[in-house]
């Protein structure tokens, strides 16, 4: 039997101001930077206006450890709040989860509302039943997995992420992507978790680079915030895999940012899971699905895997992009060239032309090089590039034009 649950109420673009009047004693869990920089005023100002009493626990550091959780439990048991607000990235939210979880072992926390306000777009911890706590002495990380760890409310306000440095945007963005990928290929995945994971992948594809290069773009920031939350919903229900298990160990030992550790490991884990070194596994089909979601054609990826020269892949893409738009002046990267192909549904045609180009290019190039070697003429070396490329381009134009005339593209 499969199950899918989203217990957390998600409020996009803010919402704490509507909750504050209902709160009387609030325990705020955050880190030292959020407190010293005054960013925690995002929470405290609203509580002040509502007349609520609060205490700020700001001793959380990256990779929260057992000692930090113990201190938080002592404070929360003394204060007896009716609400706990976790404010910050994954570390404060994970710490707050652990504090609430262990505090509930000795006092009644059932009526205590748990609110998570993420300030980075990465962990998805605001909607997941996971938390990770570090033991610095043993240099290991302990995962907590329990439905009671789920926050009651998650507030997704992208304004809080605008000041995040580009390096952190990149690291957390890759964490989001890895969450979604692992959720999608999980053996416990369902149609419901797939829906959340697929949407998260599409949002990352659309918004991560913009958020990185243009930090003030609020549409991109909110898109990544939503992607992080959706990926959290997905993996909270389907689970994660080898990539995260290794990334946590890597981070605990070498103190590498979690998202970066995920990015380092992901290509190798995907290769292993898909059986690339021996024979392809059923998981390979799931990865192919992800490639389609990203607008990457499977045949073009196969060309990369088989080691075709770069021009045998790039040239057909350029031709298709030109035919679909009538101009190449607006494109500044190969990634930008791919997008109109996706928009026009031309990825299949590009795949056909890529294979035709490769089939034409290789024998023509080999023939020219053989003639050059036998005649000892340097011009044939140059012709081995020019002739196959010209013939391949001509074939691509003819096939693409015919497809358009026949209404196939």
Protein backbone atom coordinates (compact mmCIF):
# COMPACT_ATOMS: atom_id res chain seq x y z
CA UNK A 1 0.00 0.00 0.00
CA UNK A 2 1.25 3.48 -0.91
CA UNK A 3 0.46 6.69 0.94
CA UNK A 4 0.96 10.40 0.31
CA UNK A 5 0.56 13.16 2.87
CA UNK A 6 0.97 16.94 2.90
CA UNK A 7 0.05 17.90 6.43
CA UNK A 8 1.75 21.28 6.38
CA UNK A 9 -0.27 24.34 5.41
CA UNK A 10 1.77 26.28 2.82
CA UNK A 11 1.46 30.07 2.66
CA UNK A 12 3.12 31.64 -0.38
CA UNK A 13 4.45 35.20 -0.27
CA UNK A 14 4.04 35.76 3.49
CA UNK A 15 1.28 35.22 6.00
CA UNK A 16 2.86 35.49 9.44
CA UNK A 17 1.00 38.74 10.06
CA UNK A 18 -2.30 36.82 9.91
CA UNK A 19 -1.05 34.17 12.35
CA UNK A 20 0.65 36.49 14.87
CA UNK A 21 -2.55 37.70 16.61
CA UNK A 22 -3.32 34.07 17.54
CA UNK A 23 0.06 33.55 19.21
CA UNK A 24 0.88 34.47 22.83
CA UNK A 25 4.23 32.88 23.74
CA UNK A 26 6.59 32.17 20.85
CA UNK A 27 9.92 30.38 20.85
CA UNK A 28 12.02 31.49 17.87
CA UNK A 29 14.80 29.21 16.63
CA UNK A 30 17.37 30.83 14.35
CA UNK A 31 21.11 31.27 13.86
CA UNK A 32 23.53 33.90 15.08
CA UNK A 33 23.71 35.75 11.77
CA UNK A 34 19.95 36.17 11.51
CA UNK A 35 19.89 37.57 15.04
CA UNK A 36 22.94 39.86 14.81
CA UNK A 37 22.05 41.20 11.36
CA UNK A 38 18.55 42.12 12.48
CA UNK A 39 16.89 39.88 9.91
CA UNK A 40 15.00 38.13 12.68
CA UNK A 41 12.99 41.35 12.95
CA UNK A 42 10.91 39.87 10.09
CA UNK A 43 9.45 37.70 12.85
CA UNK A 44 9.78 39.84 15.96
CA UNK A 45 8.20 42.99 14.51
CA UNK A 46 5.02 41.12 13.67
CA UNK A 47 4.95 39.53 17.12
CA UNK A 48 5.52 42.93 18.76
CA UNK A 49 2.56 44.39 16.87
CA UNK A 50 0.43 41.46 17.99
CA UNK A 51 1.57 41.88 21.61
CA UNK A 52 3.02 38.37 21.82
CA UNK A 53 5.79 37.39 24.23
CA UNK A 54 8.77 35.66 22.64
CA UNK A 55 12.25 34.32 23.20
CA UNK A 56 14.95 34.00 20.58
CA UNK A 57 17.22 30.96 20.56
CA UNK A 58 20.01 31.97 18.17
CA UNK A 59 22.70 29.42 18.93
CA UNK A 60 22.13 27.26 15.84
CA UNK A 61 25.14 26.81 13.57
CA UNK A 62 25.56 25.03 10.25
CA UNK A 63 24.96 21.31 10.68
CA UNK A 64 23.22 21.62 14.08
CA UNK A 65 24.67 19.27 16.64
CA UNK A 66 23.43 17.34 19.65
CA UNK A 67 24.64 20.00 22.10
CA UNK A 68 22.66 22.74 20.36
CA UNK A 69 19.50 20.65 20.41
CA UNK A 70 19.96 19.91 24.11
CA UNK A 71 20.25 23.63 24.94
CA UNK A 72 17.14 24.36 22.89
CA UNK A 73 15.17 21.64 24.66
CA UNK A 74 16.14 23.09 28.07
CA UNK A 75 14.98 26.58 27.03
CA UNK A 76 11.70 25.45 25.50
CA UNK A 77 10.81 23.39 28.58
CA UNK A 78 11.41 26.44 30.76
CA UNK A 79 9.46 28.84 28.53
CA UNK A 80 6.38 26.67 27.69
CA UNK A 81 5.49 28.38 24.36
CA UNK A 82 2.27 27.96 22.42
CA UNK A 83 4.19 28.30 19.14
CA UNK A 84 7.66 27.58 17.79
CA UNK A 85 8.92 29.51 14.76
CA UNK A 86 11.96 28.19 12.89
CA UNK A 87 13.55 31.04 10.92
CA UNK A 88 16.51 30.52 8.59
CA UNK A 89 17.94 27.91 6.27
CA UNK A 90 17.89 24.17 6.69
CA UNK A 91 19.99 24.20 9.87
CA UNK A 92 17.63 26.30 12.07
CA UNK A 93 14.61 24.41 10.75
CA UNK A 94 16.22 21.02 11.38
CA UNK A 95 17.32 22.17 14.83
CA UNK A 96 13.80 23.38 15.65
CA UNK A 97 12.35 20.05 14.54
CA UNK A 98 14.72 18.14 16.81
CA UNK A 99 14.10 20.51 19.72
CA UNK A 100 10.32 20.14 19.44
CA UNK A 101 10.61 16.39 18.97
CA UNK A 102 12.72 15.78 22.09
CA UNK A 103 10.92 18.39 24.19
CA UNK A 104 7.68 16.52 23.50
CA UNK A 105 9.16 13.50 25.27
CA UNK A 106 8.98 15.28 28.63
CA UNK A 107 6.21 17.88 28.23
CA UNK A 108 2.95 18.23 26.31
CA UNK A 109 3.66 19.94 22.95
CA UNK A 110 0.47 18.86 21.18
CA UNK A 111 -1.09 22.34 21.30
CA UNK A 112 2.15 24.07 20.29
CA UNK A 113 1.98 25.35 16.70
CA UNK A 114 5.14 24.76 14.68
CA UNK A 115 5.82 27.35 11.96
CA UNK A 116 8.75 27.15 9.52
CA UNK A 117 9.94 30.23 7.64
CA UNK A 118 12.79 29.28 5.26
CA UNK A 119 15.23 31.97 4.16
CA UNK A 120 16.99 29.82 1.55
CA UNK A 121 15.58 27.79 -1.33
CA UNK A 122 17.17 24.42 -0.82
CA UNK A 123 16.38 21.96 1.92
CA UNK A 124 12.60 21.71 1.66
CA UNK A 125 12.76 21.08 5.40
CA UNK A 126 9.68 23.24 5.93
CA UNK A 127 7.48 20.45 4.53
CA UNK A 128 9.49 17.31 5.21
CA UNK A 129 9.39 14.77 8.02
CA UNK A 130 13.18 14.59 8.05
CA UNK A 131 15.80 16.34 10.18
CA UNK A 132 19.56 15.77 10.33
CA UNK A 133 21.56 16.28 13.54
CA UNK A 134 25.37 16.06 13.75
CA UNK A 135 27.58 14.39 16.32
CA UNK A 136 30.81 16.42 16.02
CA UNK A 137 32.84 14.00 18.12
CA UNK A 138 32.05 11.00 15.93
CA UNK A 139 31.83 13.14 12.75
CA UNK A 140 28.57 11.53 11.73
CA UNK A 141 25.08 12.81 10.96
CA UNK A 142 21.96 11.22 12.41
CA UNK A 143 18.74 11.43 10.39
CA UNK A 144 15.46 11.77 12.26
CA UNK A 145 12.42 10.52 10.33
CA UNK A 146 9.08 11.00 12.02
CA UNK A 147 5.68 12.42 10.96
CA UNK A 148 5.63 14.59 14.09
CA UNK A 149 8.60 16.53 12.67
CA UNK A 150 6.36 18.07 10.01
CA UNK A 151 5.71 21.79 10.64
CA UNK A 152 2.09 22.88 10.88
CA UNK A 153 2.67 25.92 8.67
CA UNK A 154 5.33 26.82 6.09
CA UNK A 155 5.66 30.44 5.00
CA UNK A 156 7.34 30.89 1.61
CA UNK A 157 8.36 34.53 1.23
CA UNK A 158 10.92 34.97 -1.53
CA UNK A 159 11.82 38.44 -0.24
CA UNK A 160 13.85 36.65 2.43
CA UNK A 161 16.11 35.03 -0.18
CA UNK A 162 17.09 38.13 -2.16
CA UNK A 163 20.23 38.78 -0.09
CA UNK A 164 21.47 35.18 -0.36
CA UNK A 165 24.94 35.15 -2.02
CA UNK A 166 25.22 33.57 -5.49
CA UNK A 167 27.35 30.70 -4.17
CA UNK A 168 24.65 29.78 -1.66
CA UNK A 169 21.96 30.16 -4.33
CA UNK A 170 23.90 27.67 -6.47
CA UNK A 171 24.52 25.20 -3.63
CA UNK A 172 20.94 25.23 -2.39
CA UNK A 173 19.58 25.11 -5.94
CA UNK A 174 21.51 21.92 -6.66
CA UNK A 175 20.18 20.52 -3.38
CA UNK A 176 16.63 21.17 -4.64
CA UNK A 177 17.42 19.47 -7.94
CA UNK A 178 18.95 16.45 -6.20
CA UNK A 179 15.94 16.12 -3.90
CA UNK A 180 13.63 16.05 -6.90
CA UNK A 181 15.79 13.63 -8.90
CA UNK A 182 16.14 11.17 -6.02
CA UNK A 183 12.43 11.38 -5.22
CA UNK A 184 11.56 10.67 -8.85
CA UNK A 185 13.75 7.55 -9.12
CA UNK A 186 12.93 6.26 -5.64
CA UNK A 187 11.47 2.76 -5.41
CA UNK A 188 8.79 4.25 -3.15
CA UNK A 189 7.77 6.95 -5.67
CA UNK A 190 4.07 7.33 -6.49
CA UNK A 191 2.12 9.34 -9.05
CA UNK A 192 1.61 12.00 -6.37
CA UNK A 193 5.27 12.33 -5.36
CA UNK A 194 6.22 12.24 -9.06
CA UNK A 195 3.93 15.20 -9.75
CA UNK A 196 5.68 17.29 -7.10
CA UNK A 197 9.16 16.16 -8.15
CA UNK A 198 8.54 16.79 -11.86
CA UNK A 199 7.23 20.30 -11.21
CA UNK A 200 10.22 21.03 -8.98
CA UNK A 201 12.62 19.96 -11.75
CA UNK A 202 10.85 22.18 -14.27
CA UNK A 203 10.98 25.16 -11.90
CA UNK A 204 14.70 24.63 -11.24
CA UNK A 205 15.29 24.41 -14.99
CA UNK A 206 13.46 27.68 -15.51
CA UNK A 207 14.60 29.77 -12.56
CA UNK A 208 17.91 28.68 -11.00
CA UNK A 209 20.29 30.38 -13.45
CA UNK A 210 18.20 33.57 -13.37
CA UNK A 211 18.20 33.62 -9.56
CA UNK A 212 21.97 33.09 -9.62
CA UNK A 213 22.77 35.82 -12.16
CA UNK A 214 19.96 38.24 -11.20
CA UNK A 215 19.44 37.95 -7.43
CA UNK A 216 16.77 40.65 -7.43
CA UNK A 217 14.48 38.85 -9.88
CA UNK A 218 11.56 38.07 -7.59
CA UNK A 219 9.82 35.76 -10.04
CA UNK A 220 12.93 33.58 -10.19
CA UNK A 221 13.39 33.71 -6.42
CA UNK A 222 9.79 32.71 -5.75
CA UNK A 223 10.05 30.01 -8.40
CA UNK A 224 13.07 28.49 -6.64
CA UNK A 225 11.37 28.83 -3.25
CA UNK A 226 8.36 26.93 -4.61
CA UNK A 227 10.63 24.34 -6.25
CA UNK A 228 12.38 23.73 -2.94
CA UNK A 229 9.05 23.21 -1.19
CA UNK A 230 7.69 20.90 -3.89
CA UNK A 231 10.86 18.82 -3.86
CA UNK A 232 10.51 18.62 -0.06
CA UNK A 233 6.95 17.35 -0.43
CA UNK A 234 8.17 14.76 -2.96
CA UNK A 235 11.08 13.32 -1.00
CA UNK A 236 9.22 13.48 2.32
CA UNK A 237 6.80 10.96 0.82
CA UNK A 238 9.07 8.89 -1.44
CA UNK A 239 12.36 9.11 0.44
CA UNK A 240 15.86 9.88 -0.81
CA UNK A 241 18.68 7.64 -1.94
CA UNK A 242 22.37 6.89 -2.15
CA UNK A 243 23.30 10.40 -3.22
CA UNK A 244 22.05 12.02 -0.02
CA UNK A 245 23.38 9.24 2.16
CA UNK A 246 26.87 9.83 0.77
CA UNK A 247 26.52 13.64 0.75
CA UNK A 248 25.72 13.71 4.47
CA UNK A 249 28.77 11.57 5.21
CA UNK A 250 30.92 13.75 2.97
CA UNK A 251 29.64 16.94 4.61
CA UNK A 252 30.15 15.64 8.13
CA UNK A 253 33.72 14.60 7.39
CA UNK A 254 34.96 17.43 5.16
CA UNK A 255 32.47 20.24 6.00
CA UNK A 256 31.42 20.73 2.39
CA UNK A 257 28.16 22.65 1.80
CA UNK A 258 25.43 20.03 1.51
CA UNK A 259 24.14 21.09 -1.90
CA UNK A 260 27.65 21.19 -3.32
CA UNK A 261 28.36 17.70 -1.99
CA UNK A 262 25.18 16.53 -3.72
CA UNK A 263 26.26 18.12 -6.99
CA UNK A 264 29.70 16.49 -6.83
CA UNK A 265 28.23 13.04 -6.30
CA UNK A 266 25.12 13.18 -8.50
CA UNK A 267 26.66 12.28 -11.92
CA UNK A 268 28.40 9.23 -10.43
CA UNK A 269 25.37 8.07 -8.47
CA UNK A 270 23.14 8.45 -11.54
CA UNK A 271 25.62 6.44 -13.60
CA UNK A 272 25.72 3.73 -10.94
CA UNK A 273 21.95 3.60 -10.50
CA UNK A 274 21.35 3.49 -14.26
CA UNK A 275 23.89 0.68 -14.73
CA UNK A 276 25.95 2.63 -17.27
CA UNK A 277 29.11 0.59 -16.61
CA UNK A 278 27.43 -2.79 -17.19
CA UNK A 279 23.85 -2.99 -18.42
CA UNK A 280 21.09 -0.43 -18.11
CA UNK A 281 18.67 -0.84 -15.22
CA UNK A 282 14.95 0.13 -15.09
CA UNK A 283 16.06 3.30 -13.29
CA UNK A 284 17.66 4.49 -16.55
CA UNK A 285 14.15 5.03 -17.93
CA UNK A 286 13.39 7.34 -15.02
CA UNK A 287 16.53 9.34 -15.72
CA UNK A 288 15.50 9.57 -19.38
CA UNK A 289 12.20 11.02 -18.18
CA UNK A 290 14.12 13.66 -16.25
CA UNK A 291 16.11 14.48 -19.40
CA UNK A 292 12.85 15.11 -21.24
CA UNK A 293 11.60 17.33 -18.41
CA UNK A 294 14.78 19.39 -18.77
CA UNK A 295 14.29 19.72 -22.52
CA UNK A 296 17.31 17.53 -23.25
CA UNK A 297 16.76 15.10 -26.07
CA UNK A 298 17.62 11.51 -25.23
CA UNK A 299 19.37 10.91 -28.55
CA UNK A 300 21.54 13.98 -28.10
CA UNK A 301 22.47 12.73 -24.65
CA UNK A 302 23.26 9.36 -26.20
CA UNK A 303 25.53 11.11 -28.66
CA UNK A 304 27.41 12.67 -25.77
CA UNK A 305 27.66 9.29 -24.04
CA UNK A 306 28.94 7.60 -27.20
CA UNK A 307 31.63 10.24 -27.54
CA UNK A 308 30.57 11.93 -30.76
CA UNK A 309 32.55 15.14 -31.41
CA UNK A 310 30.85 18.26 -30.09
CA UNK A 311 30.12 19.71 -33.54
CA UNK A 312 28.09 16.60 -34.43
CA UNK A 313 25.69 17.60 -31.67
CA UNK A 314 25.88 21.38 -31.72
CA UNK A 315 25.49 21.96 -35.45
CA UNK A 316 22.09 20.21 -35.78
CA UNK A 317 20.85 22.10 -32.72
CA UNK A 318 21.95 25.40 -34.29
CA UNK A 319 20.23 24.49 -37.56
CA UNK A 320 16.99 23.53 -35.82
CA UNK A 321 17.05 26.68 -33.68
CA UNK A 322 17.53 28.82 -36.79
CA UNK A 323 14.67 27.11 -38.64
CA UNK A 324 12.34 27.44 -35.66
CA UNK A 325 13.02 31.14 -35.04
CA UNK A 326 14.51 32.54 -38.25
CA UNK A 327 17.42 34.09 -36.36
CA UNK A 328 20.37 33.16 -34.18
CA UNK A 329 21.25 36.68 -33.05
CA UNK A 330 19.30 36.44 -29.80
CA UNK A 331 21.07 33.32 -28.54
CA UNK A 332 24.21 33.52 -26.42
CA UNK A 333 24.59 29.88 -25.37
CA UNK A 334 23.84 26.33 -26.43
CA UNK A 335 21.31 26.13 -23.61
CA UNK A 336 19.49 29.15 -25.05
CA UNK A 337 19.47 27.48 -28.48
CA UNK A 338 17.73 24.41 -27.07
CA UNK A 339 14.75 26.33 -25.66
CA UNK A 340 12.95 27.18 -28.95
CA UNK A 341 13.26 23.52 -29.91
CA UNK A 342 11.43 22.56 -26.74
CA UNK A 343 8.85 25.32 -27.27
CA UNK A 344 8.16 24.17 -30.85
CA UNK A 345 8.18 20.47 -29.97
CA UNK A 346 11.16 19.98 -32.27
CA UNK A 347 13.35 17.86 -30.01
CA UNK A 348 12.46 14.71 -31.97
CA UNK A 349 13.42 16.38 -35.26
CA UNK A 350 16.68 17.58 -33.77
CA UNK A 351 17.37 14.02 -32.63
CA UNK A 352 16.80 12.67 -36.15
CA UNK A 353 19.05 15.30 -37.68
CA UNK A 354 21.71 14.69 -35.04
CA UNK A 355 21.86 11.02 -35.91
CA UNK A 356 21.81 11.72 -39.66
CA UNK A 357 24.55 14.28 -39.26
CA UNK A 358 26.63 11.83 -37.25
CA UNK A 359 26.09 9.05 -39.76
CA UNK A 360 27.11 11.35 -42.64
CA UNK A 361 29.95 13.05 -40.83
CA UNK A 362 31.94 10.03 -39.67
CA UNK A 363 32.40 8.13 -43.00
CA UNK A 364 33.00 11.33 -44.97
CA UNK A 365 35.58 12.56 -42.50
CA UNK A 366 37.33 9.17 -42.42
CA UNK A 367 37.41 9.01 -46.22
CA UNK A 368 38.94 12.47 -46.51
CA UNK A 369 41.58 11.69 -43.90
CA UNK A 370 42.47 8.42 -45.68
CA UNK A 371 42.90 10.24 -49.00
CA UNK A 372 45.01 12.87 -47.28
CA UNK A 373 47.23 10.21 -45.75
CA UNK A 374 47.72 8.39 -49.06
CA UNK A 375 48.35 11.54 -51.10
CA UNK A 376 50.25 13.25 -48.29
CA UNK A 377 48.23 16.37 -48.97
CA UNK A 378 47.44 18.72 -46.07
CA UNK A 379 44.38 20.12 -47.82
CA UNK A 380 42.50 16.85 -47.29
CA UNK A 381 42.88 17.29 -43.56
CA UNK A 382 41.02 20.60 -43.84
CA UNK A 383 38.52 19.05 -46.23
CA UNK A 384 37.87 16.28 -43.71
CA UNK A 385 36.19 18.95 -41.61
CA UNK A 386 34.61 21.10 -44.31
CA UNK A 387 33.13 18.43 -46.61
CA UNK A 388 31.42 16.27 -43.94
CA UNK A 389 30.12 19.33 -42.14
CA UNK A 390 28.72 20.78 -45.38
CA UNK A 391 27.07 17.52 -46.40
CA UNK A 392 25.66 16.99 -42.90
CA UNK A 393 24.24 20.51 -42.78
CA UNK A 394 22.64 20.07 -46.19
CA UNK A 395 21.00 16.83 -45.11
CA UNK A 396 19.73 18.46 -41.90
CA UNK A 397 18.23 21.37 -43.84
CA UNK A 398 16.56 19.02 -46.32
CA UNK A 399 15.09 16.75 -43.64
CA UNK A 400 13.91 19.66 -41.47
CA UNK A 401 12.40 21.50 -44.44
CA UNK A 402 10.63 18.36 -45.61
CA UNK A 403 9.24 17.80 -42.12
CA UNK A 404 7.87 21.35 -42.10
CA UNK A 405 6.32 21.02 -45.57
CA UNK A 406 4.63 17.77 -44.55
CA UNK A 407 3.31 19.37 -41.37
CA UNK A 408 5.30 17.07 -39.12
CA UNK A 409 7.00 19.98 -37.33
